[in-house]
């Protein structure tokens, strides 16, 4: 089933999960255990990330197969397009269609050097909107895109970022998932600005569990996400005490989710980091 239809039908609180491909047999086992543990929460869908420039399409494809082992899951692979030729994207889409997949997350991806996805010569995609248009013309998949409550790190202004989000929607995107944010006011403000700009597709908040302040700072610096002072302070108190830090971080994440649902947000997209125990504790508190 296509995700826009799933979201339309789902009036109760519900969640979606994002996983990343394993790098070796050990992490593959961890992914399998995490997917099995979280599948029981009946997610709206399960997505699998992909690196830029085709750097890990094979690992992504193998990881997608792991998701497909759970017949009840609606699976959404990510496709990144920077430095990738259109024929490569078509081959990937053909393969996913044969597997019965009906949803794709279309992303530009981070700019990489070298030719792992085919090099820059002859490539047809400079921006995510180009990939969205290509997939739309393929005429099979529902298409998700990323949006940025605090603006993309490469955008000169919030307005420029919002204009580009509108271009992705106009190119054929059916729904959006936000980049991580830790202050819900950014999400609420983005929704208002997006609706005013004429973006009317579902926009799901992307939630990153707060379990490691060093990692959160790293992610935040890459994607231009603000870490509120009270969160940084609360987690930093437990430097060198990972279990205590994780406990506090989970509590903060639960509060964030509870505020979202209290304000009418029914569907949450979680960046799981392939951590089953963390996710289960959060989900048991909010569902």
Protein backbone atom coordinates (compact mmCIF):
# COMPACT_ATOMS: atom_id res chain seq x y z
CA UNK A 1 0.00 0.00 0.00
CA UNK A 2 1.14 3.53 -0.69
CA UNK A 3 2.09 5.65 2.31
CA UNK A 4 -0.18 8.65 1.55
CA UNK A 5 -3.17 6.30 1.65
CA UNK A 6 -1.91 4.72 4.87
CA UNK A 7 -1.57 8.14 6.49
CA UNK A 8 -5.03 9.13 5.29
CA UNK A 9 -6.60 6.01 6.78
CA UNK A 10 -4.72 6.17 10.08
CA UNK A 11 -6.57 8.47 12.48
CA UNK A 12 -5.00 7.07 15.67
CA UNK A 13 -1.51 7.67 17.04
CA UNK A 14 1.01 5.70 15.01
CA UNK A 15 4.74 5.56 14.29
CA UNK A 16 7.12 4.85 11.44
CA UNK A 17 10.70 3.61 11.63
CA UNK A 18 13.89 4.44 9.78
CA UNK A 19 16.78 1.96 9.84
CA UNK A 20 20.27 2.02 8.34
CA UNK A 21 22.07 -0.80 6.51
CA UNK A 22 24.43 -3.03 8.51
CA UNK A 23 28.15 -2.91 7.80
CA UNK A 24 29.04 -6.47 8.78
CA UNK A 25 27.55 -9.75 10.00
CA UNK A 26 27.44 -8.57 13.60
CA UNK A 27 25.50 -5.42 12.83
CA UNK A 28 23.29 -7.38 10.42
CA UNK A 29 22.25 -9.53 13.35
CA UNK A 30 21.51 -6.41 15.37
CA UNK A 31 19.36 -5.02 12.56
CA UNK A 32 17.40 -8.26 12.28
CA UNK A 33 16.71 -8.27 16.02
CA UNK A 34 15.69 -4.62 15.99
CA UNK A 35 13.32 -5.02 13.05
CA UNK A 36 11.75 -8.09 14.63
CA UNK A 37 11.30 -6.30 17.96
CA UNK A 38 9.77 -3.17 16.43
CA UNK A 39 7.56 -4.87 13.84
CA UNK A 40 5.15 -5.77 16.65
CA UNK A 41 4.31 -2.05 17.03
CA UNK A 42 2.54 -2.15 13.64
CA UNK A 43 4.41 0.80 12.12
CA UNK A 44 2.94 2.87 9.33
CA UNK A 45 6.01 1.93 7.31
CA UNK A 46 9.67 0.96 7.67
CA UNK A 47 12.31 2.84 5.68
CA UNK A 48 15.93 2.00 4.89
CA UNK A 49 18.57 4.66 4.33
CA UNK A 50 21.07 4.89 1.49
CA UNK A 51 24.37 6.74 1.12
CA UNK A 52 25.05 9.40 -1.47
CA UNK A 53 26.42 8.70 -4.90
CA UNK A 54 25.49 5.03 -4.83
CA UNK A 55 28.11 4.35 -2.16
CA UNK A 56 26.06 1.65 -0.51
CA UNK A 57 23.25 0.65 -2.85
CA UNK A 58 24.19 -3.01 -2.50
CA UNK A 59 24.10 -2.81 1.29
CA UNK A 60 20.81 -0.94 1.12
CA UNK A 61 19.31 -3.54 -1.18
CA UNK A 62 20.37 -6.36 1.15
CA UNK A 63 18.92 -4.46 4.12
CA UNK A 64 15.66 -3.88 2.24
CA UNK A 65 15.44 -7.64 1.81
CA UNK A 66 15.62 -7.98 5.61
CA UNK A 67 12.66 -5.64 5.97
CA UNK A 68 10.73 -7.55 3.31
CA UNK A 69 11.07 -10.73 5.34
CA UNK A 70 8.39 -9.20 7.57
CA UNK A 71 5.40 -9.44 5.26
CA UNK A 72 3.30 -7.04 7.33
CA UNK A 73 5.75 -4.15 6.89
CA UNK A 74 5.26 -1.46 4.26
CA UNK A 75 8.83 -0.94 3.08
CA UNK A 76 10.25 2.34 1.79
CA UNK A 77 13.84 2.38 0.50
CA UNK A 78 15.74 5.65 0.30
CA UNK A 79 17.34 6.62 -2.99
CA UNK A 80 20.01 9.32 -3.21
CA UNK A 81 20.75 10.78 -6.61
CA UNK A 82 23.79 13.04 -6.49
CA UNK A 83 26.45 11.84 -8.98
CA UNK A 84 24.20 9.02 -10.20
CA UNK A 85 23.12 8.40 -13.79
CA UNK A 86 19.44 8.07 -14.61
CA UNK A 87 19.92 4.55 -15.96
CA UNK A 88 21.25 3.49 -12.55
CA UNK A 89 18.18 4.95 -10.85
CA UNK A 90 15.90 3.21 -13.34
CA UNK A 91 17.60 -0.12 -12.66
CA UNK A 92 17.02 0.37 -8.93
CA UNK A 93 13.38 1.35 -9.46
CA UNK A 94 12.80 -1.65 -11.72
CA UNK A 95 14.19 -3.96 -9.05
CA UNK A 96 12.09 -2.42 -6.28
CA UNK A 97 8.95 -2.61 -8.42
CA UNK A 98 9.54 -6.35 -8.97
CA UNK A 99 9.79 -6.78 -5.21
CA UNK A 100 6.35 -5.21 -4.80
CA UNK A 101 7.64 -1.99 -3.22
CA UNK A 102 5.40 1.02 -3.79
CA UNK A 103 7.12 3.81 -1.85
CA UNK A 104 10.44 5.63 -2.25
CA UNK A 105 12.14 8.33 -0.18
CA UNK A 106 13.81 10.60 -2.74
CA UNK A 107 16.88 12.51 -1.55
CA UNK A 108 19.73 14.40 -3.12
CA UNK A 109 22.26 12.96 -0.67
CA UNK A 110 25.49 14.48 0.56
CA UNK A 111 27.95 15.46 -2.13
CA UNK A 112 30.74 12.91 -2.43
CA UNK A 113 33.97 12.73 -4.44
CA UNK A 114 34.86 9.95 -6.83
CA UNK A 115 32.67 7.88 -9.14
CA UNK A 116 31.04 5.17 -6.93
CA UNK A 117 27.61 5.88 -8.35
CA UNK A 118 28.76 6.55 -11.88
CA UNK A 119 30.65 9.81 -11.58
CA UNK A 120 29.38 13.27 -12.41
CA UNK A 121 29.62 12.99 -16.19
CA UNK A 122 26.32 12.12 -17.78
CA UNK A 123 24.39 12.45 -14.51
CA UNK A 124 20.85 13.76 -14.66
CA UNK A 125 20.30 14.80 -11.07
CA UNK A 126 21.63 17.86 -9.29
CA UNK A 127 18.81 18.23 -6.79
CA UNK A 128 16.20 16.08 -5.08
CA UNK A 129 13.50 17.74 -7.17
CA UNK A 130 15.10 16.22 -10.28
CA UNK A 131 14.91 12.75 -8.75
CA UNK A 132 11.30 13.34 -7.65
CA UNK A 133 10.31 14.28 -11.19
CA UNK A 134 12.10 11.21 -12.59
CA UNK A 135 10.36 8.85 -10.16
CA UNK A 136 7.01 10.54 -10.76
CA UNK A 137 7.36 9.94 -14.49
CA UNK A 138 8.10 6.28 -13.72
CA UNK A 139 4.44 6.21 -12.60
CA UNK A 140 4.50 3.54 -9.92
CA UNK A 141 5.77 4.83 -6.57
CA UNK A 142 4.51 7.17 -3.90
CA UNK A 143 7.32 9.61 -3.17
CA UNK A 144 8.55 11.03 0.12
CA UNK A 145 11.01 13.88 0.51
CA UNK A 146 12.94 15.52 3.34
CA UNK A 147 12.13 18.98 4.69
CA UNK A 148 14.00 21.11 7.18
CA UNK A 149 12.24 22.95 10.03
CA UNK A 150 15.34 25.08 10.70
CA UNK A 151 16.32 25.33 7.05
CA UNK A 152 18.78 23.24 5.06
CA UNK A 153 22.38 23.93 5.98
CA UNK A 154 23.09 25.08 2.40
CA UNK A 155 20.10 27.44 2.21
CA UNK A 156 20.70 31.16 2.60
CA UNK A 157 17.38 31.73 4.35
CA UNK A 158 14.29 29.96 5.66
CA UNK A 159 12.32 31.38 2.75
CA UNK A 160 14.78 30.00 0.18
CA UNK A 161 14.62 26.61 1.87
CA UNK A 162 10.82 26.67 1.89
CA UNK A 163 10.72 27.65 -1.77
CA UNK A 164 12.84 24.65 -2.61
CA UNK A 165 10.61 22.37 -0.52
CA UNK A 166 7.68 23.64 -2.58
CA UNK A 167 9.55 22.78 -5.77
CA UNK A 168 9.99 19.19 -4.57
CA UNK A 169 6.30 18.91 -3.79
CA UNK A 170 5.32 20.44 -7.12
CA UNK A 171 7.65 17.97 -8.89
CA UNK A 172 5.49 15.14 -7.55
CA UNK A 173 6.30 14.37 -3.91
CA UNK A 174 3.36 12.94 -1.97
CA UNK A 175 4.52 13.45 1.62
CA UNK A 176 7.47 14.73 3.61
CA UNK A 177 9.51 13.81 6.68
CA UNK A 178 11.36 16.49 8.59
CA UNK A 179 14.99 16.50 9.53
CA UNK A 180 15.54 15.99 13.26
CA UNK A 181 14.68 18.81 15.62
CA UNK A 182 14.81 19.01 19.40
CA UNK A 183 12.63 22.05 20.00
CA UNK A 184 9.07 21.40 18.80
CA UNK A 185 8.46 25.09 18.15
CA UNK A 186 10.57 24.76 15.00
CA UNK A 187 8.23 22.05 13.70
CA UNK A 188 5.05 23.96 14.55
CA UNK A 189 6.43 27.09 12.88
CA UNK A 190 7.49 25.12 9.82
CA UNK A 191 4.00 23.65 9.43
CA UNK A 192 2.47 27.12 9.51
CA UNK A 193 4.93 28.47 6.97
CA UNK A 194 4.56 25.41 4.72
CA UNK A 195 0.76 25.57 4.68
CA UNK A 196 0.88 29.29 3.96
CA UNK A 197 3.28 28.57 1.08
CA UNK A 198 0.79 26.09 -0.37
CA UNK A 199 2.49 22.87 0.75
CA UNK A 200 -0.45 20.67 1.73
CA UNK A 201 1.01 17.15 1.73
CA UNK A 202 1.44 15.28 5.06
CA UNK A 203 4.58 16.44 6.90
CA UNK A 204 5.73 13.94 9.50
CA UNK A 205 8.12 15.01 12.27
CA UNK A 206 11.44 13.15 12.31
CA UNK A 207 12.44 12.18 15.85
CA UNK A 208 15.98 11.26 16.91
CA UNK A 209 16.17 9.59 20.34
CA UNK A 210 18.47 11.55 22.64
CA UNK A 211 20.86 8.95 24.02
CA UNK A 212 24.38 10.29 23.44
CA UNK A 213 25.11 14.02 23.56
CA UNK A 214 28.33 13.67 21.54
CA UNK A 215 26.46 11.96 18.70
CA UNK A 216 23.59 14.43 18.94
CA UNK A 217 26.03 17.33 18.61
CA UNK A 218 27.63 15.65 15.62
CA UNK A 219 24.30 15.08 13.87
CA UNK A 220 23.09 18.57 14.74
CA UNK A 221 26.19 20.22 13.27
CA UNK A 222 25.69 18.37 10.00
CA UNK A 223 22.01 19.18 9.58
CA UNK A 224 21.72 22.59 11.25
CA UNK A 225 19.56 21.46 14.15
CA UNK A 226 19.51 23.48 17.36
CA UNK A 227 20.12 21.65 20.63
CA UNK A 228 18.22 23.51 23.36
CA UNK A 229 20.39 24.50 26.30
CA UNK A 230 18.36 22.49 28.81
CA UNK A 231 18.86 19.31 26.77
CA UNK A 232 22.59 19.84 26.33
CA UNK A 233 22.94 20.55 30.03
CA UNK A 234 20.82 17.58 31.13
CA UNK A 235 22.79 15.10 29.03
CA UNK A 236 26.22 16.63 29.59
CA UNK A 237 25.86 16.08 33.33
CA UNK A 238 26.34 12.38 32.69
CA UNK A 239 29.48 12.48 30.57
CA UNK A 240 31.27 9.20 31.18
CA UNK A 241 28.05 7.57 32.42
CA UNK A 242 26.45 6.26 29.21
CA UNK A 243 23.65 4.34 30.89
CA UNK A 244 22.54 7.32 32.94
CA UNK A 245 22.83 9.61 29.93
CA UNK A 246 20.68 7.25 27.88
CA UNK A 247 18.05 7.09 30.61
CA UNK A 248 17.77 10.88 30.78
CA UNK A 249 17.80 11.16 27.00
CA UNK A 250 14.95 8.69 26.64
CA UNK A 251 12.90 10.68 29.15
CA UNK A 252 13.53 13.87 27.17
CA UNK A 253 12.55 12.17 23.91
CA UNK A 254 9.35 10.86 25.47
CA UNK A 255 8.46 14.39 26.58
CA UNK A 256 9.10 15.71 23.08
CA UNK A 257 6.81 13.09 21.58
CA UNK A 258 4.12 13.68 24.20
CA UNK A 259 4.13 17.39 23.41
CA UNK A 260 3.74 16.66 19.71
CA UNK A 261 0.81 14.30 20.23
CA UNK A 262 -0.80 16.70 22.72
CA UNK A 263 -0.72 19.28 19.94
CA UNK A 264 -2.50 17.04 17.46
CA UNK A 265 0.45 15.34 15.77
CA UNK A 266 -0.62 11.72 15.32
CA UNK A 267 2.15 10.25 13.18
CA UNK A 268 5.82 10.21 14.22
CA UNK A 269 8.81 9.09 12.16
CA UNK A 270 11.68 7.73 14.28
CA UNK A 271 15.34 7.59 13.31
CA UNK A 272 15.85 4.36 15.24
CA UNK A 273 19.66 4.11 14.92
CA UNK A 274 18.90 0.37 14.89
CA UNK A 275 18.48 0.42 18.70
CA UNK A 276 15.61 -1.81 19.72
CA UNK A 277 15.73 -1.36 23.50
CA UNK A 278 15.77 2.44 23.29
CA UNK A 279 12.90 2.51 20.84
CA UNK A 280 10.78 0.05 22.82
CA UNK A 281 11.09 2.15 25.96
CA UNK A 282 10.02 5.28 24.10
CA UNK A 283 7.18 3.57 22.25
CA UNK A 284 5.77 1.90 25.35
CA UNK A 285 5.49 5.35 26.94
CA UNK A 286 3.78 7.15 24.06
CA UNK A 287 1.53 4.62 22.31
